[in-house]
Amino acid sequence: MFGNLAEMAKLMSKAKDIQSNLKKFKEELPTMEFSASSPGSQVRVTVTGDFRIKKIELTDEALQDRASLEEQILMATNSALIAAKAAAQEKMGEVTGGLGLDLPGIF
């Protein structure tokens, strides 16, 4: 199946490296931060790598129009979450050595 024992040992070693790197990655996720602003920069949202909203910053101008404020919060939050997910997926590619593994529970 694997050709020989040396190849199998190499695969096992690679799997252990991936497992170790994955553990480290999962520990780093909550410390990573991603920010995005709405058009016009009246709203700025910061999220963590584990997709939690950490901070929402509003300018005085943003408080003048409730409907606009709600829309800007949504846009900024979605942009920050997209950035967090893209960075997490890129890092996952590095951790797994580009194997394209889909590991449940990460994103």
C-alpha atoms as a PDB file:
ATOM      1  CA  MET A   1       0.000   0.000   0.000  1.00  0.00           C
ATOM      2  CA  PHE A   2       2.660   2.592   0.975  1.00  0.00           C
ATOM      3  CA  GLY A   3       5.481   0.976  -0.968  1.00  0.00           C
ATOM      4  CA  ASN A   4       7.761   0.470   1.991  1.00  0.00           C
ATOM      5  CA  LEU A   5       8.132   1.102   5.699  1.00  0.00           C
ATOM      6  CA  ALA A   6      10.347   4.173   5.214  1.00  0.00           C
ATOM      7  CA  GLU A   7       7.563   5.954   3.322  1.00  0.00           C
ATOM      8  CA  MET A   8       5.068   4.974   5.997  1.00  0.00           C
ATOM      9  CA  ALA A   9       7.363   6.305   8.742  1.00  0.00           C
ATOM     10  CA  LYS A  10       7.759   9.569   6.804  1.00  0.00           C
ATOM     11  CA  LEU A  11       3.970   9.925   6.543  1.00  0.00           C
ATOM     12  CA  MET A  12       3.540   9.240  10.265  1.00  0.00           C
ATOM     13  CA  SER A  13       6.153  11.872  11.083  1.00  0.00           C
ATOM     14  CA  LYS A  14       4.410  14.402   8.833  1.00  0.00           C
ATOM     15  CA  ALA A  15       1.065  13.607  10.507  1.00  0.00           C
ATOM     16  CA  LYS A  16       2.587  14.245  13.950  1.00  0.00           C
ATOM     17  CA  ASP A  17       4.017  17.572  12.745  1.00  0.00           C
ATOM     18  CA  ILE A  18       0.639  18.590  11.367  1.00  0.00           C
ATOM     19  CA  GLN A  19      -1.067  17.625  14.614  1.00  0.00           C
ATOM     20  CA  SER A  20       1.407  19.677  16.651  1.00  0.00           C
ATOM     21  CA  ASN A  21       1.112  22.678  14.342  1.00  0.00           C
ATOM     22  CA  LEU A  22      -2.674  22.424  14.374  1.00  0.00           C
ATOM     23  CA  LYS A  23      -2.748  22.525  18.169  1.00  0.00           C
ATOM     24  CA  LYS A  24      -0.565  25.637  18.171  1.00  0.00           C
ATOM     25  CA  PHE A  25      -2.758  27.215  15.480  1.00  0.00           C
ATOM     26  CA  LYS A  26      -5.942  26.621  17.484  1.00  0.00           C
ATOM     27  CA  GLU A  27      -4.305  28.278  20.507  1.00  0.00           C
ATOM     28  CA  GLU A  28      -3.275  31.306  18.402  1.00  0.00           C
ATOM     29  CA  LEU A  29      -6.691  31.889  16.809  1.00  0.00           C
ATOM     30  CA  PRO A  30      -8.252  33.768  19.744  1.00  0.00           C
ATOM     31  CA  THR A  31      -5.263  36.140  19.894  1.00  0.00           C
ATOM     32  CA  MET A  32      -5.398  37.105  16.221  1.00  0.00           C
ATOM     33  CA  GLU A  33      -7.298  40.326  15.450  1.00  0.00           C
ATOM     34  CA  PHE A  34      -8.830  41.623  12.227  1.00  0.00           C
ATOM     35  CA  SER A  35     -10.418  45.031  11.748  1.00  0.00           C
ATOM     36  CA  ALA A  36     -12.527  46.538   9.015  1.00  0.00           C
ATOM     37  CA  SER A  37     -14.259  49.863   8.538  1.00  0.00           C
ATOM     38  CA  SER A  38     -17.482  50.743   6.810  1.00  0.00           C
ATOM     39  CA  PRO A  39     -17.414  52.958   3.736  1.00  0.00           C
ATOM     40  CA  GLY A  40     -16.738  56.449   5.046  1.00  0.00           C
ATOM     41  CA  SER A  41     -14.980  54.974   8.111  1.00  0.00           C
ATOM     42  CA  GLN A  42     -17.776  55.900  10.506  1.00  0.00           C
ATOM     43  CA  VAL A  43     -17.818  52.369  11.944  1.00  0.00           C
ATOM     44  CA  ARG A  44     -14.822  50.151  12.696  1.00  0.00           C
ATOM     45  CA  VAL A  45     -15.226  46.564  13.894  1.00  0.00           C
ATOM     46  CA  THR A  46     -12.500  44.325  15.288  1.00  0.00           C
ATOM     47  CA  VAL A  47     -12.951  40.548  15.471  1.00  0.00           C
ATOM     48  CA  THR A  48     -10.707  37.780  16.726  1.00  0.00           C
ATOM     49  CA  GLY A  49      -9.420  34.824  14.756  1.00  0.00           C
ATOM     50  CA  ASP A  50     -12.029  32.621  16.396  1.00  0.00           C
ATOM     51  CA  PHE A  51     -14.747  34.889  14.956  1.00  0.00           C
ATOM     52  CA  ARG A  52     -15.765  36.827  18.044  1.00  0.00           C
ATOM     53  CA  ILE A  53     -16.489  40.537  17.934  1.00  0.00           C
ATOM     54  CA  LYS A  54     -13.950  42.271  20.143  1.00  0.00           C
ATOM     55  CA  LYS A  55     -14.683  45.944  19.576  1.00  0.00           C
ATOM     56  CA  ILE A  56     -17.031  48.271  17.707  1.00  0.00           C
ATOM     57  CA  GLU A  57     -15.944  51.875  17.291  1.00  0.00           C
ATOM     58  CA  LEU A  58     -18.345  54.585  16.118  1.00  0.00           C
ATOM     59  CA  THR A  59     -17.759  58.176  15.118  1.00  0.00           C
ATOM     60  CA  ASP A  60     -20.154  60.901  16.292  1.00  0.00           C
ATOM     61  CA  GLU A  61     -21.341  61.199  12.688  1.00  0.00           C
ATOM     62  CA  ALA A  62     -22.391  57.545  12.671  1.00  0.00           C
ATOM     63  CA  LEU A  63     -24.793  58.176  15.542  1.00  0.00           C
ATOM     64  CA  GLN A  64     -26.855  60.674  13.548  1.00  0.00           C
ATOM     65  CA  ASP A  65     -28.721  58.137  11.400  1.00  0.00           C
ATOM     66  CA  ARG A  66     -29.858  54.871  12.972  1.00  0.00           C
ATOM     67  CA  ALA A  67     -30.619  53.037   9.704  1.00  0.00           C
ATOM     68  CA  SER A  68     -27.282  54.022   8.235  1.00  0.00           C
ATOM     69  CA  LEU A  69     -25.504  53.032  11.446  1.00  0.00           C
ATOM     70  CA  GLU A  70     -27.068  49.565  11.414  1.00  0.00           C
ATOM     71  CA  GLU A  71     -26.039  49.052   7.794  1.00  0.00           C
ATOM     72  CA  GLN A  72     -22.507  50.266   8.446  1.00  0.00           C
ATOM     73  CA  ILE A  73     -22.119  47.951  11.447  1.00  0.00           C
ATOM     74  CA  LEU A  74     -23.198  44.998   9.295  1.00  0.00           C
ATOM     75  CA  MET A  75     -20.803  45.915   6.477  1.00  0.00           C
ATOM     76  CA  ALA A  76     -17.832  46.461   8.785  1.00  0.00           C
ATOM     77  CA  THR A  77     -18.540  43.295  10.780  1.00  0.00           C
ATOM     78  CA  ASN A  78     -18.905  41.129   7.688  1.00  0.00           C
ATOM     79  CA  SER A  79     -15.715  42.565   6.180  1.00  0.00           C
ATOM     80  CA  ALA A  80     -13.761  41.872   9.368  1.00  0.00           C
ATOM     81  CA  LEU A  81     -15.122  38.313   9.563  1.00  0.00           C
ATOM     82  CA  ILE A  82     -14.239  37.676   5.913  1.00  0.00           C
ATOM     83  CA  ALA A  83     -10.681  38.873   6.593  1.00  0.00           C
ATOM     84  CA  ALA A  84     -10.438  36.649   9.672  1.00  0.00           C
ATOM     85  CA  LYS A  85     -11.666  33.598   7.776  1.00  0.00           C
ATOM     86  CA  ALA A  86      -9.334  34.193   4.830  1.00  0.00           C
ATOM     87  CA  ALA A  87      -6.339  34.560   7.141  1.00  0.00           C
ATOM     88  CA  ALA A  88      -7.330  31.455   9.100  1.00  0.00           C
ATOM     89  CA  GLN A  89      -7.669  29.429   5.906  1.00  0.00           C
ATOM     90  CA  GLU A  90      -4.298  30.646   4.668  1.00  0.00           C
ATOM     91  CA  LYS A  91      -2.689  29.740   7.986  1.00  0.00           C
ATOM     92  CA  MET A  92      -4.415  26.337   7.893  1.00  0.00           C
ATOM     93  CA  GLY A  93      -2.823  25.729   4.492  1.00  0.00           C
ATOM     94  CA  GLU A  94       0.564  26.441   6.042  1.00  0.00           C
ATOM     95  CA  VAL A  95      -0.129  24.212   9.055  1.00  0.00           C
ATOM     96  CA  THR A  96      -1.223  21.253   6.934  1.00  0.00           C
ATOM     97  CA  GLY A  97       1.528  21.700   4.391  1.00  0.00           C
ATOM     98  CA  GLY A  98      -0.964  22.518   1.654  1.00  0.00           C
ATOM     99  CA  LEU A  99      -2.699  19.148   1.906  1.00  0.00           C
ATOM    100  CA  GLY A 100      -6.102  20.821   1.590  1.00  0.00           C
ATOM    101  CA  LEU A 101      -7.499  19.094   4.645  1.00  0.00           C
ATOM    102  CA  ASP A 102     -10.994  20.068   5.733  1.00  0.00           C
ATOM    103  CA  LEU A 103     -10.842  19.848   9.510  1.00  0.00           C
ATOM    104  CA  PRO A 104     -14.239  20.230  11.183  1.00  0.00           C
ATOM    105  CA  GLY A 105     -14.554  22.612  14.090  1.00  0.00           C
ATOM    106  CA  ILE A 106     -11.840  24.998  12.927  1.00  0.00           C
ATOM    107  CA  PHE A 107     -13.960  27.449  10.897  1.00  0.00           C
END
